[in-house]
């Protein structure tokens, strides 16, 4: 699958060990490599929401 995504123009990053948690944030997109990434994705989502909330308070 990474090969096909790369051919389509995607920038694909993976962990060297299968099924290790791995999360990528790119602007508004937060994604994980596999099911074991669920807790890190949740933490990244909460952090992103906190940043957004803090930005609204400053405005």
N, C-alpha and C. Protein backbone atom coordinates (compact mmCIF):
# COMPACT_ATOMS: atom_id res chain seq x y z
N UNK A 1 0.81 -1.20 0.00
CA UNK A 1 0.00 0.00 0.00
C UNK A 1 0.86 1.27 0.00
N UNK A 2 1.92 1.36 0.81
CA UNK A 2 2.73 2.59 0.75
C UNK A 2 3.25 2.88 -0.65
N UNK A 3 3.61 1.85 -1.40
CA UNK A 3 4.12 2.05 -2.75
C UNK A 3 3.05 2.69 -3.63
N UNK A 4 1.83 2.21 -3.56
CA UNK A 4 0.73 2.76 -4.37
C UNK A 4 0.45 4.20 -3.98
N UNK A 5 0.47 4.48 -2.69
CA UNK A 5 0.23 5.86 -2.24
C UNK A 5 1.34 6.80 -2.71
N UNK A 6 2.58 6.32 -2.67
CA UNK A 6 3.71 7.12 -3.14
C UNK A 6 3.56 7.40 -4.64
N UNK A 7 3.17 6.40 -5.40
CA UNK A 7 2.94 6.61 -6.84
C UNK A 7 1.86 7.65 -7.09
N UNK A 8 0.89 7.72 -6.20
CA UNK A 8 -0.20 8.69 -6.34
C UNK A 8 0.20 10.09 -5.87
N UNK A 9 1.45 10.22 -5.36
CA UNK A 9 1.92 11.54 -4.95
C UNK A 9 1.92 11.78 -3.46
N UNK A 10 1.57 10.78 -2.68
CA UNK A 10 1.53 10.96 -1.23
C UNK A 10 2.93 10.89 -0.62
N UNK A 11 3.10 11.56 0.50
CA UNK A 11 4.32 11.46 1.29
C UNK A 11 4.03 10.44 2.40
N UNK A 12 4.52 9.23 2.25
CA UNK A 12 4.19 8.13 3.16
C UNK A 12 5.33 7.92 4.16
N UNK A 13 4.99 7.90 5.44
CA UNK A 13 5.96 7.56 6.48
C UNK A 13 5.39 6.41 7.30
N UNK A 14 6.25 5.50 7.70
CA UNK A 14 5.83 4.35 8.50
C UNK A 14 6.87 4.10 9.58
N UNK A 15 6.52 3.24 10.53
CA UNK A 15 7.48 2.84 11.56
C UNK A 15 8.26 1.64 11.05
N UNK A 16 9.47 1.45 11.55
CA UNK A 16 10.25 0.29 11.11
C UNK A 16 9.70 -1.03 11.66
N UNK A 17 8.90 -0.98 12.72
CA UNK A 17 8.34 -2.18 13.33
C UNK A 17 6.83 -2.18 13.08
N UNK A 18 6.32 -3.28 12.52
CA UNK A 18 4.88 -3.38 12.27
C UNK A 18 4.08 -3.26 13.56
N UNK A 19 2.98 -2.55 13.48
CA UNK A 19 2.01 -2.37 14.54
C UNK A 19 2.54 -1.62 15.76
N UNK A 20 3.56 -0.81 15.58
CA UNK A 20 3.95 0.14 16.61
C UNK A 20 3.06 1.37 16.45
N UNK A 21 2.62 1.99 17.53
CA UNK A 21 1.81 3.20 17.40
C UNK A 21 2.58 4.28 16.63
N UNK A 22 1.89 4.95 15.73
CA UNK A 22 2.51 6.00 14.93
C UNK A 22 1.43 6.98 14.50
N UNK A 23 1.63 8.26 14.80
CA UNK A 23 0.65 9.30 14.50
C UNK A 23 1.33 10.41 13.72
N UNK A 24 0.62 10.92 12.73
CA UNK A 24 1.11 12.04 11.93
C UNK A 24 0.06 13.14 11.97
N UNK A 25 0.51 14.38 12.19
CA UNK A 25 -0.36 15.55 12.13
C UNK A 25 0.09 16.41 10.97
N UNK A 26 -0.85 16.80 10.12
CA UNK A 26 -0.58 17.71 9.02
C UNK A 26 -1.72 18.70 8.94
N UNK A 27 -1.49 19.88 9.47
CA UNK A 27 -2.53 20.90 9.60
C UNK A 27 -3.73 20.33 10.34
N UNK A 28 -4.88 20.20 9.68
CA UNK A 28 -6.08 19.71 10.36
C UNK A 28 -6.20 18.19 10.35
N UNK A 29 -5.33 17.50 9.62
CA UNK A 29 -5.41 16.05 9.52
C UNK A 29 -4.57 15.38 10.61
N UNK A 30 -5.19 14.48 11.35
CA UNK A 30 -4.50 13.66 12.35
C UNK A 30 -4.81 12.22 11.99
N UNK A 31 -3.77 11.44 11.74
CA UNK A 31 -4.00 10.06 11.32
C UNK A 31 -3.02 9.12 12.00
N UNK A 32 -3.42 7.86 12.13
CA UNK A 32 -2.57 6.86 12.75
C UNK A 32 -2.33 5.70 11.81
N UNK A 33 -1.23 5.00 12.02
CA UNK A 33 -0.84 3.92 11.12
C UNK A 33 -1.64 2.65 11.35
N UNK A 34 -2.10 2.41 12.57
CA UNK A 34 -2.73 1.13 12.86
C UNK A 34 -3.58 1.25 14.13
N UNK A 35 -4.32 0.21 14.49
CA UNK A 35 -5.20 0.29 15.66
C UNK A 35 -4.49 0.61 16.98
N UNK A 36 -3.22 0.25 17.11
CA UNK A 36 -2.50 0.55 18.35
C UNK A 36 -2.20 2.05 18.49
N UNK A 37 -2.50 2.81 17.48
CA UNK A 37 -2.28 4.26 17.52
C UNK A 37 -3.46 5.00 18.13
N UNK A 38 -4.47 4.29 18.61
CA UNK A 38 -5.69 4.95 19.06
C UNK A 38 -5.46 5.93 20.20
N UNK A 39 -4.69 5.57 21.20
CA UNK A 39 -4.45 6.49 22.32
C UNK A 39 -3.60 7.68 21.91
N UNK A 40 -2.52 7.49 21.15
CA UNK A 40 -1.77 8.67 20.68
C UNK A 40 -2.60 9.58 19.77
N UNK A 41 -3.49 9.00 18.97
CA UNK A 41 -4.37 9.84 18.13
C UNK A 41 -5.29 10.67 19.03
N UNK A 42 -5.84 10.04 20.05
CA UNK A 42 -6.70 10.77 20.99
C UNK A 42 -5.97 11.91 21.66
N UNK A 43 -4.74 11.66 22.09
CA UNK A 43 -3.93 12.70 22.73
C UNK A 43 -3.64 13.83 21.75
N UNK A 44 -3.33 13.49 20.51
CA UNK A 44 -3.06 14.51 19.49
C UNK A 44 -4.32 15.33 19.20
N UNK A 45 -5.47 14.68 19.17
CA UNK A 45 -6.73 15.39 18.93
C UNK A 45 -7.03 16.36 20.07
N UNK A 46 -6.86 15.91 21.30
CA UNK A 46 -7.11 16.80 22.45
C UNK A 46 -6.15 17.99 22.41
N UNK A 47 -4.87 17.74 22.10
CA UNK A 47 -3.91 18.83 22.01
C UNK A 47 -4.29 19.82 20.90
N UNK A 48 -4.75 19.31 19.76
CA UNK A 48 -5.16 20.19 18.66
C UNK A 48 -6.38 21.02 19.05
N UNK A 49 -7.34 20.40 19.73
CA UNK A 49 -8.51 21.15 20.18
C UNK A 49 -8.14 22.20 21.21
N UNK A 50 -7.21 21.88 22.10
CA UNK A 50 -6.75 22.87 23.08
C UNK A 50 -6.07 24.05 22.38
N UNK A 51 -5.24 23.76 21.36
CA UNK A 51 -4.59 24.85 20.62
C UNK A 51 -5.62 25.73 19.93
N UNK A 52 -6.64 25.11 19.36
CA UNK A 52 -7.68 25.87 18.68
C UNK A 52 -8.46 26.74 19.67
N UNK A 53 -8.77 26.16 20.82
CA UNK A 53 -9.50 26.91 21.85
C UNK A 53 -8.67 28.09 22.36
N UNK A 54 -7.38 27.87 22.58
CA UNK A 54 -6.51 28.95 23.03
C UNK A 54 -6.40 30.05 21.98
N UNK A 55 -6.40 29.67 20.71
CA UNK A 55 -6.36 30.66 19.63
C UNK A 55 -7.60 31.52 19.60
N UNK A 56 -8.76 30.94 19.90
CA UNK A 56 -10.00 31.70 19.92
C UNK A 56 -10.05 32.65 21.10
N UNK A 57 -9.46 32.26 22.24
CA UNK A 57 -9.43 33.13 23.41
C UNK A 57 -8.58 34.36 23.16
N UNK A 58 -7.49 34.20 22.40
CA UNK A 58 -6.59 35.32 22.13
C UNK A 58 -7.19 36.30 21.15
N UNK A 59 -8.15 35.87 20.35
CA UNK A 59 -8.72 36.74 19.32
C UNK A 59 -9.72 37.72 19.87
